[in-house]
Amino acid sequence: MKFKYSRLAKGLLSAMPLLLAAGNAFSQQVVTLRVHHFLPQSATGHAKVIEPWCAKIAAESENKLKCQIYTSMQLGGTPAQLFDQAKDGVVDIVWTIPSYQAGRFMVTEVFELPFFVTSVEKGSEALWHYATKYAVKEFAGVKPILFHLHDGNVLHSTKKHVKTLEDFKGLKIRSATRQSTKMITALGGVAVPMPLPQTPEALAKGVIDGALVPWEVVPSIKLEEIIRYHTELDQGLGQFSNSVFIFGMNLAKYESLPPDLKKVIDANSGPATSAWAGKVFAEAGVPGRRSAEALKNRFYSVPANEVTRWKKAAESVTQDWMKDVKSKGYDGEKLLKEAKSFMSD
């Protein structure tokens, strides 16, 4: 007895080559991720974190995942708007400082408190664990790829060396975040919140007298050519302040990826990736400092007993942060304790 194919079966068989070709084409489809950030190509974030990360996911996906990177806000907007550009799907991935939107990302601000961070690499890994446990609501709509810190703010000044608590009085100092703004005020200075790209011109024109900026980024904005005085702290005493960075992806974009490409993103996300980024930034601070040394700029390392005075003057900043997060329904004392615990693990 001969089996007779139905018309439907015959149609499916005849269409099979086309279906297989279409499936194969889909499996080879290249996904281009639009990556947006606010610094120039020479900056550490771009050259030593974002570009290597993009190269790695391209290699591991057999070039099915590729990045189109837009530097220096080429796609428009301001640094403060970057997080929402990712959240709203205007771009696919951003690298930014969430706290440029003052008061919105309060939970992770604990890592921006005065004298809190002592290790950038360990602190970045701790930040990942802390943020993904306690700040999920704040980062809703964006899949974190990594969180990290920079190499720690240094106080750079144009008119005089800041050596004692009294030297802060009346100095107009650029701040990057809400917490560094409060710290400068607590120490007696006049805080001037300002995005990094505007800082060199403001210093050159005398609009501000100094700036809190990490060594890592100094050469990319040629700050060492404008500044002559640098005030540093021993890392063991805690950094002046730091900034929380996120490299994050639009959640809907991530969820739209096929399983094999999701695995590539996942394999290049998380605490180890965050620690790697922190290490990159810590190491990048060394040539930044050397660029100022080459110009024979002046350096001052604040002794421990004087740092103790500064810490005491800035205690109110931490207390205010705990009150702020409490107003949002969080236990500030618990969060502070947990953040410290993650850093000491």
Protein backbone atom coordinates (compact mmCIF):
# COMPACT_ATOMS: atom_id res chain seq x y z
CA MET A 1 0.00 0.00 0.00
CA LYS A 2 1.47 3.30 -1.05
CA PHE A 3 1.30 6.23 1.34
CA LYS A 4 -0.24 9.26 -0.30
CA TYR A 5 0.89 12.68 0.86
CA SER A 6 -1.78 15.24 1.52
CA ARG A 7 -1.55 18.53 -0.25
CA LEU A 8 -0.58 20.16 3.05
CA ALA A 9 2.26 17.71 3.61
CA LYS A 10 3.53 18.21 0.08
CA GLY A 11 3.38 21.97 0.59
CA LEU A 12 5.38 21.74 3.81
CA LEU A 13 8.00 19.55 2.22
CA SER A 14 8.41 21.87 -0.72
CA ALA A 15 8.70 24.84 1.65
CA MET A 16 11.21 23.14 3.95
CA PRO A 17 14.35 24.48 2.23
CA LEU A 18 13.02 28.01 2.54
CA LEU A 19 12.11 27.51 6.21
CA LEU A 20 15.55 26.11 6.98
CA ALA A 21 17.21 28.99 5.17
CA ALA A 22 15.10 31.49 7.06
CA GLY A 23 15.93 29.79 10.37
CA ASN A 24 19.61 29.78 9.57
CA ALA A 25 19.47 33.45 8.59
CA PHE A 26 17.77 34.26 11.90
CA SER A 27 20.41 32.35 13.87
CA GLN A 28 23.12 34.38 12.13
CA GLN A 29 21.35 37.71 12.50
CA VAL A 30 23.60 40.41 13.93
CA VAL A 31 22.27 42.43 16.85
CA THR A 32 23.82 45.87 17.00
CA LEU A 33 23.68 47.48 20.43
CA ARG A 34 23.69 51.28 20.57
CA VAL A 35 25.93 52.33 23.46
CA HIS A 36 25.88 55.94 24.68
CA HIS A 37 28.02 57.79 27.25
CA PHE A 38 29.31 61.27 28.09
CA LEU A 39 33.11 61.05 27.93
CA PRO A 40 35.56 61.31 25.01
CA GLN A 41 37.18 58.29 23.35
CA SER A 42 40.40 58.84 25.30
CA ALA A 43 38.67 58.36 28.67
CA THR A 44 39.22 55.18 30.70
CA GLY A 45 35.53 54.29 30.73
CA HIS A 46 35.45 54.21 26.94
CA ALA A 47 38.89 52.88 26.02
CA LYS A 48 39.50 50.36 28.80
CA VAL A 49 36.03 49.20 29.88
CA ILE A 50 33.37 49.73 27.20
CA GLU A 51 35.45 48.93 24.11
CA PRO A 52 37.02 45.77 25.60
CA TRP A 53 33.62 44.63 26.88
CA CYS A 54 32.11 45.11 23.43
CA ALA A 55 35.00 43.25 21.80
CA LYS A 56 34.54 40.37 24.23
CA ILE A 57 30.80 39.91 23.62
CA ALA A 58 31.42 40.11 19.87
CA ALA A 59 34.01 37.33 20.06
CA GLU A 60 31.95 35.14 22.37
CA SER A 61 28.82 35.53 20.24
CA GLU A 62 30.71 34.80 17.02
CA ASN A 63 29.98 38.39 15.97
CA LYS A 64 26.24 38.08 16.44
CA LEU A 65 26.47 40.84 19.05
CA LYS A 66 28.11 44.10 18.11
CA CYS A 67 28.30 47.56 19.63
CA GLN A 68 27.87 50.93 18.00
CA ILE A 69 29.40 53.29 20.56
CA TYR A 70 28.46 56.96 20.72
CA THR A 71 30.79 59.08 22.87
CA SER A 72 30.47 62.59 24.32
CA MET A 73 26.64 62.59 24.22
CA GLN A 74 26.62 62.32 20.41
CA LEU A 75 23.01 61.16 20.41
CA GLY A 76 21.87 64.21 22.34
CA GLY A 77 20.66 64.90 25.84
CA THR A 78 22.68 65.47 28.98
CA PRO A 79 24.65 63.07 31.19
CA ALA A 80 21.81 63.23 33.71
CA GLN A 81 19.41 61.89 31.07
CA LEU A 82 21.45 58.84 30.11
CA PHE A 83 19.83 56.39 32.51
CA ASP A 84 16.37 57.21 31.17
CA GLN A 85 17.63 56.91 27.60
CA ALA A 86 18.40 53.27 28.40
CA LYS A 87 15.24 52.74 30.42
CA ASP A 88 13.03 54.19 27.69
CA GLY A 89 14.80 52.36 24.86
CA VAL A 90 16.16 55.49 23.18
CA VAL A 91 19.48 53.62 23.24
CA ASP A 92 20.32 50.05 24.20
CA ILE A 93 23.15 50.49 26.71
CA VAL A 94 24.49 53.44 28.71
CA TRP A 95 27.46 54.08 30.94
CA THR A 96 26.66 56.84 33.41
CA ILE A 97 26.56 58.14 36.97
CA PRO A 98 22.98 57.63 38.19
CA SER A 99 23.28 60.21 40.94
CA TYR A 100 23.65 62.97 38.36
CA GLN A 101 19.88 62.91 38.93
CA ALA A 102 20.04 64.19 42.49
CA GLY A 103 17.82 62.39 44.96
CA ARG A 104 16.57 59.66 42.60
CA PHE A 105 19.07 56.88 43.33
CA MET A 106 19.42 57.31 47.08
CA VAL A 107 20.02 53.69 48.03
CA THR A 108 23.36 53.36 46.20
CA GLU A 109 24.49 56.80 47.40
CA VAL A 110 25.96 55.05 50.43
CA PHE A 111 29.04 54.33 48.28
CA GLU A 112 29.33 58.07 47.58
CA LEU A 113 29.44 59.10 51.24
CA PRO A 114 32.56 60.89 52.52
CA PHE A 115 35.54 58.69 53.43
CA PHE A 116 33.47 55.51 52.88
CA VAL A 117 35.37 53.70 50.11
CA THR A 118 38.86 52.36 50.78
CA SER A 119 39.29 49.86 47.89
CA VAL A 120 38.02 50.54 44.38
CA GLU A 121 38.16 46.94 43.13
CA LYS A 122 36.60 45.43 46.25
CA GLY A 123 34.21 48.34 46.55
CA SER A 124 32.96 47.84 42.99
CA GLU A 125 32.22 44.16 43.62
CA ALA A 126 30.52 45.06 46.90
CA LEU A 127 28.48 47.70 45.07
CA TRP A 128 27.14 45.05 42.67
CA HIS A 129 26.01 42.77 45.50
CA TYR A 130 24.50 45.67 47.43
CA ALA A 131 22.74 47.35 44.49
CA THR A 132 21.25 44.15 43.06
CA LYS A 133 19.89 43.29 46.51
CA TYR A 134 18.68 46.64 47.84
CA ALA A 135 18.33 49.04 44.87
CA VAL A 136 16.31 46.90 42.44
CA LYS A 137 13.36 49.32 42.45
CA GLU A 138 15.57 52.31 41.67
CA PHE A 139 17.03 50.62 38.58
CA ALA A 140 13.78 49.11 37.29
CA GLY A 141 13.61 48.93 33.50
CA VAL A 142 17.37 48.56 33.10
CA LYS A 143 19.39 45.35 33.35
CA PRO A 144 22.65 46.11 35.16
CA ILE A 145 25.67 44.71 33.36
CA LEU A 146 28.10 46.06 35.93
CA PHE A 147 28.39 48.64 38.67
CA HIS A 148 31.72 50.21 39.57
CA LEU A 149 33.51 53.04 41.36
CA HIS A 150 36.38 55.19 40.11
CA ASP A 151 39.81 55.59 41.71
CA GLY A 152 38.55 58.11 44.25
CA ASN A 153 38.20 61.87 44.16
CA VAL A 154 41.21 64.09 44.75
CA LEU A 155 40.89 67.76 45.63
CA HIS A 156 42.51 69.90 42.92
CA SER A 157 42.76 73.67 43.49
CA THR A 158 44.04 76.69 41.59
CA LYS A 159 44.73 79.35 44.21
CA LYS A 160 46.19 77.52 47.20
CA HIS A 161 46.90 74.15 48.68
CA VAL A 162 44.13 72.82 50.90
CA LYS A 163 45.91 71.31 53.91
CA THR A 164 43.63 71.94 56.89
CA LEU A 165 39.93 72.09 57.58
CA GLU A 166 40.19 75.88 57.78
CA ASP A 167 41.52 76.06 54.22
CA PHE A 168 38.13 75.00 52.84
CA LYS A 169 36.44 78.19 54.01
CA GLY A 170 34.95 80.11 51.10
CA LEU A 171 36.53 77.97 48.37
CA LYS A 172 34.21 77.31 45.42
CA ILE A 173 34.67 73.63 44.66
CA ARG A 174 33.16 71.55 41.88
CA SER A 175 31.14 68.60 43.15
CA ALA A 176 29.88 65.66 41.12
CA THR A 177 27.13 64.18 43.27
CA ARG A 178 24.60 65.15 45.91
CA GLN A 179 26.73 63.62 48.64
CA SER A 180 29.98 65.30 47.57
CA THR A 181 28.05 68.58 47.45
CA LYS A 182 26.98 68.07 51.06
CA MET A 183 30.49 67.06 52.08
CA ILE A 184 32.08 70.22 50.66
CA THR A 185 29.50 72.33 52.49
CA ALA A 186 30.09 70.45 55.74
CA LEU A 187 33.82 71.08 55.43
CA GLY A 188 33.25 74.82 55.00
CA GLY A 189 33.57 75.17 51.24
CA VAL A 190 31.09 76.43 48.67
CA ALA A 191 29.89 73.47 46.60
CA VAL A 192 29.25 74.03 42.89
CA PRO A 193 27.55 70.98 41.32
CA MET A 194 28.87 70.55 37.79
CA PRO A 195 29.22 67.81 35.15
CA LEU A 196 32.81 66.83 34.46
CA PRO A 197 33.02 68.17 30.86
CA GLN A 198 32.29 71.73 32.09
CA THR A 199 34.92 71.66 34.84
CA PRO A 200 38.11 72.68 32.98
CA GLU A 201 36.58 75.83 31.53
CA ALA A 202 35.07 76.79 34.88
CA LEU A 203 38.49 76.43 36.54
CA ALA A 204 40.29 78.34 33.78
CA LYS A 205 37.85 81.24 34.01
CA GLY A 206 37.90 81.34 37.82
CA VAL A 207 34.24 80.43 38.17
CA ILE A 208 35.40 77.79 40.66
CA ASP A 209 38.58 77.55 42.77
CA GLY A 210 38.89 73.79 42.81
CA ALA A 211 37.33 70.49 41.90
CA LEU A 212 36.83 67.00 43.24
CA VAL A 213 37.99 64.82 40.35
CA PRO A 214 39.67 61.38 40.28
CA TRP A 215 43.20 61.07 38.88
CA GLU A 216 41.97 58.64 36.25
CA VAL A 217 40.11 61.29 34.27
CA VAL A 218 42.58 64.17 34.70
CA PRO A 219 44.50 63.70 31.41
CA SER A 220 41.38 63.29 29.28
CA ILE A 221 40.18 66.79 30.24
CA LYS A 222 43.73 68.23 30.55
CA LEU A 223 43.03 69.27 34.14
CA GLU A 224 46.71 69.04 35.11
CA GLU A 225 47.44 71.98 32.78
CA ILE A 226 45.02 74.25 34.65
CA ILE A 227 45.51 73.07 38.22
CA ARG A 228 48.71 73.41 40.25
CA TYR A 229 47.73 72.10 43.69
CA HIS A 230 46.56 68.58 44.55
CA THR A 231 45.36 67.40 47.97
CA GLU A 232 45.35 63.64 48.50
CA LEU A 233 44.37 61.16 51.20
CA ASP A 234 45.98 57.87 52.06
CA GLN A 235 43.66 55.16 50.67
CA GLY A 236 43.52 53.41 54.04
CA LEU A 237 41.90 56.50 55.55
CA GLY A 238 39.06 56.44 53.03
CA GLN A 239 38.59 58.50 49.90
CA PHE A 240 37.22 62.04 49.88
CA SER A 241 34.25 60.67 47.98
CA ASN A 242 33.45 58.47 45.04
CA SER A 243 30.79 58.12 42.35
CA VAL A 244 28.61 55.14 41.53
CA PHE A 245 28.65 54.15 37.86
CA ILE A 246 26.31 51.80 36.05
CA PHE A 247 26.81 50.11 32.70
CA GLY A 248 23.24 49.05 32.02
CA MET A 249 21.04 47.72 29.23
CA ASN A 250 17.44 48.40 28.31
CA LEU A 251 15.58 45.48 29.90
CA ALA A 252 13.20 44.94 26.98
CA LYS A 253 16.16 44.81 24.58
CA TYR A 254 17.87 42.21 26.72
CA GLU A 255 14.71 40.11 26.97
CA SER A 256 14.26 40.26 23.19
CA LEU A 257 17.59 38.51 22.60
CA PRO A 258 17.66 34.80 21.72
CA PRO A 259 18.85 32.52 24.56
CA ASP A 260 22.39 32.08 23.21
CA LEU A 261 22.97 35.84 23.09
CA LYS A 262 21.45 36.34 26.54
CA LYS A 263 24.01 33.85 27.83
CA VAL A 264 26.82 35.95 26.37
CA ILE A 265 25.52 39.10 28.08
CA ASP A 266 25.04 37.21 31.35
CA ALA A 267 28.55 35.76 31.19
CA ASN A 268 29.91 39.31 30.94
CA SER A 269 27.81 40.79 33.73
CA GLY A 270 27.87 40.57 37.50
CA PRO A 271 30.21 40.92 40.49
CA ALA A 272 33.38 39.68 38.78
CA THR A 273 32.82 42.03 35.82
CA SER A 274 32.19 44.87 38.27
CA ALA A 275 35.41 44.10 40.16
CA TRP A 276 37.29 44.06 36.84
CA ALA A 277 35.99 47.53 35.97
CA GLY A 278 36.95 48.79 39.43
CA LYS A 279 40.46 47.42 39.02
CA VAL A 280 40.79 49.08 35.61
CA PHE A 281 39.87 52.45 37.12
CA ALA A 282 42.18 51.99 40.11
CA GLU A 283 45.12 51.29 37.81
CA ALA A 284 44.18 54.17 35.51
CA GLY A 285 44.69 56.64 38.33
CA VAL A 286 48.46 56.11 38.27
CA PRO A 287 49.21 57.67 34.84
CA GLY A 288 46.75 60.44 35.65
CA ARG A 289 48.84 61.45 38.64
CA ARG A 290 52.05 61.15 36.64
CA SER A 291 50.73 63.65 34.14
CA ALA A 292 50.58 66.22 36.95
CA GLU A 293 54.00 65.20 38.24
CA ALA A 294 55.48 65.80 34.79
CA LEU A 295 54.32 69.43 34.99
CA LYS A 296 55.90 69.75 38.46
CA ASN A 297 52.57 70.43 40.13
CA ARG A 298 52.45 70.44 43.92
CA PHE A 299 51.09 67.58 46.01
CA TYR A 300 50.03 67.29 49.64
CA SER A 301 49.06 64.15 51.54
CA VAL A 302 46.80 64.98 54.48
CA PRO A 303 48.03 63.41 57.75
CA ALA A 304 45.76 61.03 59.65
CA ASN A 305 45.07 63.38 62.56
CA GLU A 306 43.84 66.09 60.17
CA VAL A 307 41.72 63.59 58.23
CA THR A 308 40.07 62.70 61.54
CA ARG A 309 38.98 66.33 61.88
CA TRP A 310 37.52 66.27 58.36
CA LYS A 311 35.66 63.03 59.03
CA LYS A 312 34.13 64.46 62.17
CA ALA A 313 33.03 67.60 60.31
CA ALA A 314 31.40 65.44 57.63
CA GLU A 315 29.53 63.07 59.96
CA SER A 316 26.33 65.03 59.35
CA VAL A 317 26.40 63.96 55.68
CA THR A 318 26.03 60.29 56.59
CA GLN A 319 23.34 61.10 59.14
CA ASP A 320 21.40 63.10 56.55
CA TRP A 321 21.64 60.23 54.05
CA MET A 322 20.16 57.81 56.57
CA LYS A 323 17.27 60.22 57.15
CA ASP A 324 16.75 60.61 53.40
CA VAL A 325 16.48 56.88 52.71
CA LYS A 326 14.25 56.45 55.74
CA SER A 327 11.83 58.92 54.16
CA LYS A 328 11.68 56.53 51.19
CA GLY A 329 10.84 53.56 53.39
CA TYR A 330 14.35 52.13 53.87
CA ASP A 331 16.27 51.40 57.04
CA GLY A 332 19.31 53.63 56.56
CA GLU A 333 21.27 52.20 59.47
CA LYS A 334 20.79 48.68 58.09
CA LEU A 335 21.80 49.72 54.56
CA LEU A 336 24.96 51.40 55.85
CA LYS A 337 25.85 48.30 57.84
CA GLU A 338 25.17 46.01 54.86
CA ALA A 339 27.28 48.10 52.49
CA LYS A 340 30.20 47.98 54.92
CA SER A 341 29.70 44.24 55.31
CA PHE A 342 29.86 43.62 51.55
CA MET A 343 33.13 45.57 51.37
CA SER A 344 34.70 43.56 54.20
CA ASP A 345 33.68 40.12 52.88
